PDB file of N, CA and C in Angstrom:
ATOM      1  N   MET A   1     172.725  95.694  87.649  1.00  0.00           N
ATOM      2  CA  MET A   1     173.033  94.358  87.164  1.00  0.00           C
ATOM      3  C   MET A   1     174.512  94.039  87.373  1.00  0.00           C
ATOM      4  N   ASN A   2     175.365  94.995  87.120  1.00  0.00           N
ATOM      5  CA  ASN A   2     176.798  94.814  87.293  1.00  0.00           C
ATOM      6  C   ASN A   2     177.153  94.447  88.733  1.00  0.00           C
ATOM      7  N   LEU A   3     176.418  95.002  89.703  1.00  0.00           N
ATOM      8  CA  LEU A   3     176.635  94.712  91.118  1.00  0.00           C
ATOM      9  C   LEU A   3     176.386  93.243  91.417  1.00  0.00           C
ATOM     10  N   PHE A   4     175.372  92.653  90.774  1.00  0.00           N
ATOM     11  CA  PHE A   4     175.041  91.263  91.011  1.00  0.00           C
ATOM     12  C   PHE A   4     176.109  90.313  90.476  1.00  0.00           C
ATOM     13  N   ILE A   5     176.833  90.719  89.498  1.00  0.00           N
ATOM     14  CA  ILE A   5     177.924  89.905  88.960  1.00  0.00           C
ATOM     15  C   ILE A   5     179.170  90.051  89.836  1.00  0.00           C
ATOM     16  N   LYS A   6     179.462  91.247  90.264  1.00  0.00           N
ATOM     17  CA  LYS A   6     180.661  91.491  91.064  1.00  0.00           C
ATOM     18  C   LYS A   6     180.551  90.920  92.473  1.00  0.00           C
ATOM     19  N   LEU A   7     179.380  90.955  93.077  1.00  0.00           N
ATOM     20  CA  LEU A   7     179.208  90.486  94.444  1.00  0.00           C
ATOM     21  C   LEU A   7     179.524  88.999  94.592  1.00  0.00           C
ATOM     22  N   PRO A   8     178.959  88.116  93.757  1.00  0.00           N
ATOM     23  CA  PRO A   8     179.328  86.698  93.889  1.00  0.00           C
ATOM     24  C   PRO A   8     180.826  86.458  93.660  1.00  0.00           C
ATOM     25  N   PHE A   9     181.415  87.215  92.751  1.00  0.00           N
ATOM     26  CA  PHE A   9     182.852  87.080  92.511  1.00  0.00           C
ATOM     27  C   PHE A   9     183.640  87.467  93.752  1.00  0.00           C
ATOM     28  N   LYS A  10     183.256  88.547  94.412  1.00  0.00           N
ATOM     29  CA  LYS A  10     183.946  88.989  95.623  1.00  0.00           C
ATOM     30  C   LYS A  10     183.770  87.982  96.750  1.00  0.00           C
ATOM     31  N   ILE A  11     182.583  87.429  96.877  1.00  0.00           N
ATOM     32  CA  ILE A  11     182.337  86.423  97.912  1.00  0.00           C
ATOM     33  C   ILE A  11     183.207  85.190  97.647  1.00  0.00           C
ATOM     34  N   LEU A  12     183.277  84.772  96.408  1.00  0.00           N
ATOM     35  CA  LEU A  12     184.120  83.627  96.049  1.00  0.00           C
ATOM     36  C   LEU A  12     185.581  83.913  96.351  1.00  0.00           C
ATOM     37  N   LEU A  13     186.048  85.091  96.017  1.00  0.00           N
ATOM     38  CA  LEU A  13     187.429  85.474  96.252  1.00  0.00           C
ATOM     39  C   LEU A  13     187.761  85.467  97.746  1.00  0.00           C
ATOM     40  N   VAL A  14     186.898  86.035  98.559  1.00  0.00           N
ATOM     41  CA  VAL A  14     187.124  86.059 100.012  1.00  0.00           C
ATOM     42  C   VAL A  14     187.097  84.641 100.581  1.00  0.00           C
ATOM     43  N   THR A  15     186.174  83.815 100.109  1.00  0.00           N
ATOM     44  CA  THR A  15     186.096  82.424 100.567  1.00  0.00           C
ATOM     45  C   THR A  15     187.381  81.674 100.240  1.00  0.00           C
ATOM     46  N   LEU A  16     187.881  81.825  99.038  1.00  0.00           N
ATOM     47  CA  LEU A  16     189.127  81.163  98.643  1.00  0.00           C
ATOM     48  C   LEU A  16     190.307  81.673  99.445  1.00  0.00           C
ATOM     49  N   LEU A  17     190.316  82.951  99.743  1.00  0.00           N
ATOM     50  CA  LEU A  17     191.397  83.524 100.535  1.00  0.00           C
ATOM     51  C   LEU A  17     191.461  82.896 101.915  1.00  0.00           C
ATOM     52  N   PHE A  18     190.310  82.794 102.578  1.00  0.00           N
ATOM     53  CA  PHE A  18     190.284  82.188 103.910  1.00  0.00           C
ATOM     54  C   PHE A  18     190.571  80.694 103.853  1.00  0.00           C
ATOM     55  N   ALA A  19     190.110  80.017 102.831  1.00  0.00           N
ATOM     56  CA  ALA A  19     190.330  78.577 102.714  1.00  0.00           C
ATOM     57  C   ALA A  19     191.788  78.244 102.444  1.00  0.00           C
ATOM     58  N   SER A  20     192.529  79.183 101.879  1.00  0.00           N
ATOM     59  CA  SER A  20     193.927  78.900 101.550  1.00  0.00           C
ATOM     60  C   SER A  20     194.869  79.133 102.712  1.00  0.00           C
ATOM     61  N   CYS A  21     194.385  79.677 103.809  1.00  0.00           N
ATOM     62  CA  CYS A  21     195.239  79.898 104.980  1.00  0.00           C
ATOM     63  C   CYS A  21     195.604  78.552 105.578  1.00  0.00           C
ATOM     64  N   THR A  22     196.880  78.384 105.891  1.00  0.00           N
ATOM     65  CA  THR A  22     197.333  77.130 106.478  1.00  0.00           C
ATOM     66  C   THR A  22     198.131  77.414 107.720  1.00  0.00           C
ATOM     67  N   ASN A  23     198.340  76.381 108.499  1.00  0.00           N
ATOM     68  CA  ASN A  23     199.170  76.472 109.687  1.00  0.00           C
ATOM     69  C   ASN A  23     200.623  76.516 109.255  1.00  0.00           C
ATOM     70  N   GLU A  24     201.369  77.496 109.718  1.00  0.00           N
ATOM     71  CA  GLU A  24     202.773  77.634 109.325  1.00  0.00           C
ATOM     72  C   GLU A  24     203.659  76.578 109.962  1.00  0.00           C
ATOM     73  N   ASP A  25     203.188  75.898 110.994  1.00  0.00           N
ATOM     74  CA  ASP A  25     203.994  74.902 111.701  1.00  0.00           C
ATOM     75  C   ASP A  25     203.726  73.513 111.132  1.00  0.00           C
ATOM     76  N   ASN A  26     203.956  73.325 109.834  1.00  0.00           N
ATOM     77  CA  ASN A  26     203.672  72.046 109.190  1.00  0.00           C
ATOM     78  C   ASN A  26     204.531  70.904 109.705  1.00  0.00           C
ATOM     79  N   ASN A  27     205.666  71.201 110.335  1.00  0.00           N
ATOM     80  CA  ASN A  27     206.535  70.143 110.838  1.00  0.00           C
ATOM     81  C   ASN A  27     206.146  69.655 112.224  1.00  0.00           C
ATOM     82  N   LEU A  28     205.165  70.315 112.857  1.00  0.00           N
ATOM     83  CA  LEU A  28     204.740  69.861 114.165  1.00  0.00           C
ATOM     84  C   LEU A  28     203.859  68.634 114.011  1.00  0.00           C
ATOM     85  N   PRO A  29     204.000  67.667 114.900  1.00  0.00           N
ATOM     86  CA  PRO A  29     203.158  66.481 114.791  1.00  0.00           C
ATOM     87  C   PRO A  29     201.700  66.824 115.092  1.00  0.00           C
ATOM     88  N   ILE A  30     200.805  66.137 114.452  1.00  0.00           N
ATOM     89  CA  ILE A  30     199.385  66.311 114.720  1.00  0.00           C
ATOM     90  C   ILE A  30     199.075  65.513 115.971  1.00  0.00           C
ATOM     91  N   GLU A  31     198.458  66.151 116.953  1.00  0.00           N
ATOM     92  CA  GLU A  31     198.213  65.495 118.234  1.00  0.00           C
ATOM     93  C   GLU A  31     197.419  64.205 118.076  1.00  0.00           C
ATOM     94  N   ASP A  32     196.441  64.187 117.193  1.00  0.00           N
ATOM     95  CA  ASP A  32     195.625  62.997 117.008  1.00  0.00           C
ATOM     96  C   ASP A  32     196.364  61.885 116.265  1.00  0.00           C
ATOM     97  N   ASN A  33     197.481  62.236 115.622  1.00  0.00           N
ATOM     98  CA  ASN A  33     198.220  61.275 114.818  1.00  0.00           C
ATOM     99  C   ASN A  33     198.903  60.221 115.690  1.00  0.00           C
ATOM    100  N   ASN A  34     199.342  60.585 116.897  1.00  0.00           N
ATOM    101  CA  ASN A  34     199.958  59.660 117.837  1.00  0.00           C
ATOM    102  C   ASN A  34     201.104  58.869 117.212  1.00  0.00           C
ATOM    103  N   VAL A  35     202.068  59.562 116.651  1.00  0.00           N
ATOM    104  CA  VAL A  35     203.208  58.904 116.030  1.00  0.00           C
ATOM    105  C   VAL A  35     204.150  58.420 117.125  1.00  0.00           C
ATOM    106  N   THR A  36     204.310  57.127 117.206  1.00  0.00           N
ATOM    107  CA  THR A  36     205.255  56.517 118.138  1.00  0.00           C
ATOM    108  C   THR A  36     206.126  55.543 117.361  1.00  0.00           C
ATOM    109  N   TYR A  37     207.191  55.093 118.015  1.00  0.00           N
ATOM    110  CA  TYR A  37     208.036  54.083 117.386  1.00  0.00           C
ATOM    111  C   TYR A  37     207.218  52.831 117.110  1.00  0.00           C
ATOM    112  N   THR A  38     206.489  52.369 118.117  1.00  0.00           N
ATOM    113  CA  THR A  38     205.776  51.101 118.013  1.00  0.00           C
ATOM    114  C   THR A  38     204.676  51.122 116.963  1.00  0.00           C
ATOM    115  N   ASN A  39     203.873  52.206 116.920  1.00  0.00           N
ATOM    116  CA  ASN A  39     202.724  52.170 116.013  1.00  0.00           C
ATOM    117  C   ASN A  39     203.001  52.718 114.619  1.00  0.00           C
ATOM    118  N   THR A  40     204.150  53.357 114.396  1.00  0.00           N
ATOM    119  CA  THR A  40     204.395  53.959 113.082  1.00  0.00           C
ATOM    120  C   THR A  40     205.804  53.699 112.558  1.00  0.00           C
ATOM    121  N   VAL A  41     206.806  54.136 113.314  1.00  0.00           N
ATOM    122  CA  VAL A  41     208.182  54.158 112.821  1.00  0.00           C
ATOM    123  C   VAL A  41     208.767  52.760 112.649  1.00  0.00           C
ATOM    124  N   LYS A  42     208.482  51.857 113.563  1.00  0.00           N
ATOM    125  CA  LYS A  42     209.043  50.501 113.486  1.00  0.00           C
ATOM    126  C   LYS A  42     208.704  49.828 112.158  1.00  0.00           C
ATOM    127  N   ALA A  43     207.458  49.943 111.719  1.00  0.00           N
ATOM    128  CA  ALA A  43     207.058  49.312 110.449  1.00  0.00           C
ATOM    129  C   ALA A  43     207.808  49.912 109.266  1.00  0.00           C
ATOM    130  N   ILE A  44     208.007  51.231 109.269  1.00  0.00           N
ATOM    131  CA  ILE A  44     208.744  51.880 108.179  1.00  0.00           C
ATOM    132  C   ILE A  44     210.181  51.374 108.148  1.00  0.00           C
ATOM    133  N   ILE A  45     210.819  51.321 109.313  1.00  0.00           N
ATOM    134  CA  ILE A  45     212.214  50.856 109.401  1.00  0.00           C
ATOM    135  C   ILE A  45     212.310  49.381 109.037  1.00  0.00           C
ATOM    136  N   ASP A  46     211.399  48.557 109.571  1.00  0.00           N
ATOM    137  CA  ASP A  46     211.445  47.113 109.301  1.00  0.00           C
ATOM    138  C   ASP A  46     211.347  46.820 107.804  1.00  0.00           C
ATOM    139  N   VAL A  47     210.430  47.482 107.118  1.00  0.00           N
ATOM    140  CA  VAL A  47     210.215  47.213 105.695  1.00  0.00           C
ATOM    141  C   VAL A  47     211.352  47.753 104.832  1.00  0.00           C
ATOM    142  N   ASN A  48     211.875  48.935 105.178  1.00  0.00           N
ATOM    143  CA  ASN A  48     212.805  49.625 104.291  1.00  0.00           C
ATOM    144  C   ASN A  48     214.275  49.528 104.683  1.00  0.00           C
ATOM    145  N   CYS A  49     214.573  49.191 105.920  1.00  0.00           N
ATOM    146  CA  CYS A  49     215.959  49.290 106.393  1.00  0.00           C
ATOM    147  C   CYS A  49     216.550  47.983 106.919  1.00  0.00           C
ATOM    148  N   SER A  50     215.701  47.085 107.403  1.00  0.00           N
ATOM    149  CA  SER A  50     216.221  45.897 108.083  1.00  0.00           C
ATOM    150  C   SER A  50     216.926  44.916 107.150  1.00  0.00           C
ATOM    151  N   GLY A  51     216.768  45.083 105.841  1.00  0.00           N
ATOM    152  CA  GLY A  51     217.481  44.217 104.911  1.00  0.00           C
ATOM    153  C   GLY A  51     218.991  44.334 105.062  1.00  0.00           C
ATOM    154  N   CYS A  52     219.473  45.510 105.384  1.00  0.00           N
ATOM    155  CA  CYS A  52     220.904  45.736 105.607  1.00  0.00           C
ATOM    156  C   CYS A  52     221.217  46.010 107.078  1.00  0.00           C
ATOM    157  N   HIS A  53     220.316  46.741 107.733  1.00  0.00           N
ATOM    158  CA  HIS A  53     220.556  47.157 109.120  1.00  0.00           C
ATOM    159  C   HIS A  53     219.967  46.141 110.091  1.00  0.00           C
ATOM    160  N   ALA A  54     220.273  44.875 109.846  1.00  0.00           N
ATOM    161  CA  ALA A  54     219.805  43.773 110.683  1.00  0.00           C
ATOM    162  C   ALA A  54     220.744  43.617 111.875  1.00  0.00           C
ATOM    163  N   SER A  55     220.598  42.536 112.590  1.00  0.00           N
ATOM    164  CA  SER A  55     221.512  42.235 113.691  1.00  0.00           C
ATOM    165  C   SER A  55     222.106  40.862 113.443  1.00  0.00           C
ATOM    166  N   PRO A  56     223.342  40.781 113.030  1.00  0.00           N
ATOM    167  CA  PRO A  56     224.287  41.861 112.776  1.00  0.00           C
ATOM    168  C   PRO A  56     223.997  42.533 111.426  1.00  0.00           C
ATOM    169  N   PRO A  57     224.461  43.786 111.271  1.00  0.00           N
ATOM    170  CA  PRO A  57     224.280  44.493 110.001  1.00  0.00           C
ATOM    171  C   PRO A  57     224.982  43.759 108.856  1.00  0.00           C
ATOM    172  N   ILE A  58     224.414  43.865 107.655  1.00  0.00           N
ATOM    173  CA  ILE A  58     225.003  43.222 106.477  1.00  0.00           C
ATOM    174  C   ILE A  58     225.101  44.232 105.333  1.00  0.00           C
ATOM    175  N   ASN A  59     225.698  43.826 104.237  1.00  0.00           N
ATOM    176  CA  ASN A  59     225.826  44.651 103.029  1.00  0.00           C
ATOM    177  C   ASN A  59     226.514  45.992 103.281  1.00  0.00           C
ATOM    178  N   GLY A  60     227.446  46.023 104.222  1.00  0.00           N
ATOM    179  CA  GLY A  60     228.198  47.243 104.491  1.00  0.00           C
ATOM    180  C   GLY A  60     227.531  48.213 105.450  1.00  0.00           C
ATOM    181  N   ALA A  61     226.356  47.886 105.953  1.00  0.00           N
ATOM    182  CA  ALA A  61     225.697  48.763 106.929  1.00  0.00           C
ATOM    183  C   ALA A  61     226.551  48.817 108.188  1.00  0.00           C
ATOM    184  N   LEU A  62     226.595  49.985 108.793  1.00  0.00           N
ATOM    185  CA  LEU A  62     227.453  50.185 109.958  1.00  0.00           C
ATOM    186  C   LEU A  62     226.763  49.930 111.283  1.00  0.00           C
ATOM    187  N   MET A  63     225.444  49.848 111.283  1.00  0.00           N
ATOM    188  CA  MET A  63     224.730  49.672 112.537  1.00  0.00           C
ATOM    189  C   MET A  63     223.432  48.919 112.309  1.00  0.00           C
ATOM    190  N   SER A  64     222.928  48.385 113.386  1.00  0.00           N
ATOM    191  CA  SER A  64     221.640  47.714 113.382  1.00  0.00           C
ATOM    192  C   SER A  64     220.547  48.749 113.629  1.00  0.00           C
ATOM    193  N   LEU A  65     219.392  48.553 113.007  1.00  0.00           N
ATOM    194  CA  LEU A  65     218.231  49.404 113.251  1.00  0.00           C
ATOM    195  C   LEU A  65     217.018  48.554 113.613  1.00  0.00           C
ATOM    196  N   ILE A  66     217.249  47.545 114.447  1.00  0.00           N
ATOM    197  CA  ILE A  66     216.148  46.632 114.751  1.00  0.00           C
ATOM    198  C   ILE A  66     215.444  46.941 116.064  1.00  0.00           C
ATOM    199  N   SER A  67     215.958  47.876 116.842  1.00  0.00           N
ATOM    200  CA  SER A  67     215.305  48.191 118.109  1.00  0.00           C
ATOM    201  C   SER A  67     215.047  49.688 118.228  1.00  0.00           C
ATOM    202  N   TYR A  68     214.180  50.018 119.152  1.00  0.00           N
ATOM    203  CA  TYR A  68     213.884  51.422 119.441  1.00  0.00           C
ATOM    204  C   TYR A  68     215.170  52.180 119.743  1.00  0.00           C
ATOM    205  N   ASN A  69     216.014  51.641 120.626  1.00  0.00           N
ATOM    206  CA  ASN A  69     217.257  52.325 121.003  1.00  0.00           C
ATOM    207  C   ASN A  69     218.196  52.518 119.817  1.00  0.00           C
ATOM    208  N   ASN A  70     218.267  51.526 118.926  1.00  0.00           N
ATOM    209  CA  ASN A  70     219.102  51.656 117.726  1.00  0.00           C
ATOM    210  C   ASN A  70     218.647  52.824 116.854  1.00  0.00           C
ATOM    211  N   VAL A  71     217.346  52.934 116.638  1.00  0.00           N
ATOM    212  CA  VAL A  71     216.810  53.971 115.757  1.00  0.00           C
ATOM    213  C   VAL A  71     216.958  55.354 116.401  1.00  0.00           C
ATOM    214  N   VAL A  72     216.691  55.447 117.690  1.00  0.00           N
ATOM    215  CA  VAL A  72     216.866  56.730 118.389  1.00  0.00           C
ATOM    216  C   VAL A  72     218.321  57.175 118.298  1.00  0.00           C
ATOM    217  N   GLU A  73     219.246  56.272 118.515  1.00  0.00           N
ATOM    218  CA  GLU A  73     220.671  56.611 118.440  1.00  0.00           C
ATOM    219  C   GLU A  73     221.041  57.065 117.029  1.00  0.00           C
ATOM    220  N   ALA A  74     220.487  56.413 116.017  1.00  0.00           N
ATOM    221  CA  ALA A  74     220.777  56.788 114.630  1.00  0.00           C
ATOM    222  C   ALA A  74     220.215  58.166 114.302  1.00  0.00           C
ATOM    223  N   ILE A  75     219.083  58.504 114.858  1.00  0.00           N
ATOM    224  CA  ILE A  75     218.502  59.832 114.628  1.00  0.00           C
ATOM    225  C   ILE A  75     219.307  60.897 115.363  1.00  0.00           C
ATOM    226  N   GLN A  76     219.656  60.622 116.593  1.00  0.00           N
ATOM    227  CA  GLN A  76     220.331  61.631 117.417  1.00  0.00           C
ATOM    228  C   GLN A  76     221.809  61.810 117.080  1.00  0.00           C
ATOM    229  N   ASN A  77     222.464  60.756 116.642  1.00  0.00           N
ATOM    230  CA  ASN A  77     223.918  60.818 116.485  1.00  0.00           C
ATOM    231  C   ASN A  77     224.457  60.466 115.101  1.00  0.00           C
ATOM    232  N   ARG A  78     223.625  59.962 114.207  1.00  0.00           N
ATOM    233  CA  ARG A  78     224.131  59.489 112.915  1.00  0.00           C
ATOM    234  C   ARG A  78     223.403  60.093 111.712  1.00  0.00           C
ATOM    235  N   ASN A  79     222.633  61.173 111.946  1.00  0.00           N
ATOM    236  CA  ASN A  79     221.966  61.897 110.862  1.00  0.00           C
ATOM    237  C   ASN A  79     221.036  61.008 110.028  1.00  0.00           C
ATOM    238  N   LEU A  80     220.316  60.122 110.676  1.00  0.00           N
ATOM    239  CA  LEU A  80     219.415  59.237 109.943  1.00  0.00           C
ATOM    240  C   LEU A  80     218.383  60.025 109.142  1.00  0.00           C
ATOM    241  N   ILE A  81     217.777  61.043 109.742  1.00  0.00           N
ATOM    242  CA  ILE A  81     216.756  61.804 109.015  1.00  0.00           C
ATOM    243  C   ILE A  81     217.366  62.521 107.814  1.00  0.00           C
ATOM    244  N   GLY A  82     218.534  63.100 107.974  1.00  0.00           N
ATOM    245  CA  GLY A  82     219.205  63.750 106.845  1.00  0.00           C
ATOM    246  C   GLY A  82     219.484  62.776 105.720  1.00  0.00           C
ATOM    247  N   ARG A  83     219.868  61.567 106.059  1.00  0.00           N
ATOM    248  CA  ARG A  83     220.179  60.568 105.031  1.00  0.00           C
ATOM    249  C   ARG A  83     218.940  60.065 104.312  1.00  0.00           C
ATOM    250  N   ILE A  84     217.814  59.968 105.033  1.00  0.00           N
ATOM    251  CA  ILE A  84     216.601  59.546 104.320  1.00  0.00           C
ATOM    252  C   ILE A  84     216.004  60.712 103.521  1.00  0.00           C
ATOM    253  N   GLU A  85     216.203  61.934 103.996  1.00  0.00           N
ATOM    254  CA  GLU A  85     215.704  63.090 103.241  1.00  0.00           C
ATOM    255  C   GLU A  85     216.483  63.307 101.949  1.00  0.00           C
ATOM    256  N   ASP A  86     217.800  63.097 101.987  1.00  0.00           N
ATOM    257  CA  ASP A  86     218.582  63.331 100.768  1.00  0.00           C
ATOM    258  C   ASP A  86     218.587  62.119  99.836  1.00  0.00           C
ATOM    259  N   GLY A  87     217.938  61.033 100.240  1.00  0.00           N
ATOM    260  CA  GLY A  87     217.807  59.856  99.388  1.00  0.00           C
ATOM    261  C   GLY A  87     218.990  58.914  99.411  1.00  0.00           C
ATOM    262  N   SER A  88     219.989  59.190 100.270  1.00  0.00           N
ATOM    263  CA  SER A  88     221.134  58.272 100.328  1.00  0.00           C
ATOM    264  C   SER A  88     220.796  56.989 101.094  1.00  0.00           C
ATOM    265  N   MET A  89     219.723  57.011 101.838  1.00  0.00           N
ATOM    266  CA  MET A  89     219.218  55.817 102.517  1.00  0.00           C
ATOM    267  C   MET A  89     217.708  55.798 102.363  1.00  0.00           C
ATOM    268  N   PRO A  90     217.136  54.646 102.222  1.00  0.00           N
ATOM    269  CA  PRO A  90     217.762  53.342 102.043  1.00  0.00           C
ATOM    270  C   PRO A  90     218.326  53.182 100.635  1.00  0.00           C
ATOM    271  N   LEU A  91     219.278  52.291 100.528  1.00  0.00           N
ATOM    272  CA  LEU A  91     219.946  52.076  99.243  1.00  0.00           C
ATOM    273  C   LEU A  91     219.016  51.513  98.175  1.00  0.00           C
ATOM    274  N   ASN A  92     218.002  50.756  98.603  1.00  0.00           N
ATOM    275  CA  ASN A  92     217.112  50.104  97.638  1.00  0.00           C
ATOM    276  C   ASN A  92     215.969  50.995  97.170  1.00  0.00           C
ATOM    277  N   GLY A  93     216.020  52.282  97.447  1.00  0.00           N
ATOM    278  CA  GLY A  93     214.977  53.219  97.031  1.00  0.00           C
ATOM    279  C   GLY A  93     214.689  54.196  98.145  1.00  0.00           C
ATOM    280  N   SER A  94     213.959  55.231  97.841  1.00  0.00           N
ATOM    281  CA  SER A  94     213.723  56.248  98.858  1.00  0.00           C
ATOM    282  C   SER A  94     212.389  56.024  99.563  1.00  0.00           C
ATOM    283  N   LEU A  95     212.295  56.598 100.756  1.00  0.00           N
ATOM    284  CA  LEU A  95     211.044  56.560 101.493  1.00  0.00           C
ATOM    285  C   LEU A  95     210.091  57.585 100.888  1.00  0.00           C
ATOM    286  N   SER A  96     208.815  57.364 101.061  1.00  0.00           N
ATOM    287  CA  SER A  96     207.829  58.326 100.567  1.00  0.00           C
ATOM    288  C   SER A  96     207.863  59.572 101.450  1.00  0.00           C
ATOM    289  N   SER A  97     207.327  60.654 100.934  1.00  0.00           N
ATOM    290  CA  SER A  97     207.275  61.883 101.723  1.00  0.00           C
ATOM    291  C   SER A  97     206.438  61.681 102.983  1.00  0.00           C
ATOM    292  N   THR A  98     205.424  60.845 102.920  1.00  0.00           N
ATOM    293  CA  THR A  98     204.602  60.546 104.094  1.00  0.00           C
ATOM    294  C   THR A  98     205.406  59.790 105.143  1.00  0.00           C
ATOM    295  N   GLN A  99     206.220  58.839 104.713  1.00  0.00           N
ATOM    296  CA  GLN A  99     207.058  58.098 105.658  1.00  0.00           C
ATOM    297  C   GLN A  99     208.105  59.004 106.299  1.00  0.00           C
ATOM    298  N   ILE A 100     208.721  59.862 105.505  1.00  0.00           N
ATOM    299  CA  ILE A 100     209.729  60.789 106.038  1.00  0.00           C
ATOM    300  C   ILE A 100     209.077  61.745 107.023  1.00  0.00           C
ATOM    301  N   LYS A 101     207.901  62.260 106.681  1.00  0.00           N
ATOM    302  CA  LYS A 101     207.202  63.172 107.587  1.00  0.00           C
ATOM    303  C   LYS A 101     206.854  62.472 108.892  1.00  0.00           C
ATOM    304  N   ALA A 102     206.442  61.218 108.831  1.00  0.00           N
ATOM    305  CA  ALA A 102     206.112  60.480 110.055  1.00  0.00           C
ATOM    306  C   ALA A 102     207.337  60.358 110.963  1.00  0.00           C
ATOM    307  N   ILE A 103     208.499  60.059 110.387  1.00  0.00           N
ATOM    308  CA  ILE A 103     209.723  59.936 111.191  1.00  0.00           C
ATOM    309  C   ILE A 103     210.114  61.301 111.760  1.00  0.00           C
ATOM    310  N   LYS A 104     209.990  62.355 110.973  1.00  0.00           N
ATOM    311  CA  LYS A 104     210.297  63.698 111.470  1.00  0.00           C
ATOM    312  C   LYS A 104     209.310  64.123 112.560  1.00  0.00           C
ATOM    313  N   ASP A 105     208.033  63.816 112.378  1.00  0.00           N
ATOM    314  CA  ASP A 105     207.036  64.117 113.405  1.00  0.00           C
ATOM    315  C   ASP A 105     207.351  63.370 114.691  1.00  0.00           C
ATOM    316  N   TRP A 106     207.800  62.139 114.555  1.00  0.00           N
ATOM    317  CA  TRP A 106     208.175  61.334 115.717  1.00  0.00           C
ATOM    318  C   TRP A 106     209.328  62.003 116.463  1.00  0.00           C
ATOM    319  N   GLN A 107     210.327  62.461 115.731  1.00  0.00           N
ATOM    320  CA  GLN A 107     211.457  63.139 116.362  1.00  0.00           C
ATOM    321  C   GLN A 107     210.994  64.431 117.044  1.00  0.00           C
ATOM    322  N   ILE A 108     210.225  65.240 116.343  1.00  0.00           N
ATOM    323  CA  ILE A 108     209.746  66.506 116.900  1.00  0.00           C
ATOM    324  C   ILE A 108     208.895  66.252 118.150  1.00  0.00           C
ATOM    325  N   GLY A 109     208.154  65.152 118.136  1.00  0.00           N
ATOM    326  CA  GLY A 109     207.298  64.786 119.263  1.00  0.00           C
ATOM    327  C   GLY A 109     208.035  64.189 120.439  1.00  0.00           C
ATOM    328  N   GLY A 110     209.367  64.077 120.359  1.00  0.00           N
ATOM    329  CA  GLY A 110     210.142  63.585 121.493  1.00  0.00           C
ATOM    330  C   GLY A 110     210.514  62.116 121.433  1.00  0.00           C
ATOM    331  N   LEU A 111     210.354  61.471 120.280  1.00  0.00           N
ATOM    332  CA  LEU A 111     210.741  60.075 120.070  1.00  0.00           C
ATOM    333  C   LEU A 111     210.041  59.095 121.036  1.00  0.00           C
ATOM    334  N   PRO A 112     208.704  59.190 121.171  1.00  0.00           N
ATOM    335  CA  PRO A 112     208.029  58.272 122.086  1.00  0.00           C
ATOM    336  C   PRO A 112     208.098  56.832 121.590  1.00  0.00           C
ATOM    337  N   GLU A 113     208.230  55.937 122.551  1.00  0.00           N
ATOM    338  CA  GLU A 113     208.315  54.514 122.209  1.00  0.00           C
ATOM    339  C   GLU A 113     206.913  53.977 121.928  1.00  0.00           C
TER     340      GLU A 113
END
């Protein structure tokens, strides 16, 4: 009788062990996700950043973020991802973890337009 109790417990334990395994490369973009500037990043920037990073920039912003080239330059040379991760940008509130991950996935994926 004791064997019948232990066996289902062991099966459950092994099942949970295998189910908890995850891919260690969580920062890699998901191929099916197709994160591009046009289909993902532009909307995030437009909603959260264009209030100050317009053309011309206002409210003390140092650059415009209204085009693909502007955003790529900000990521490559102005630590845009670091600033959104630490919450210093945008000034009117922080981006969600999903939005930050999408921008990071876009960068890791080569910044496709």
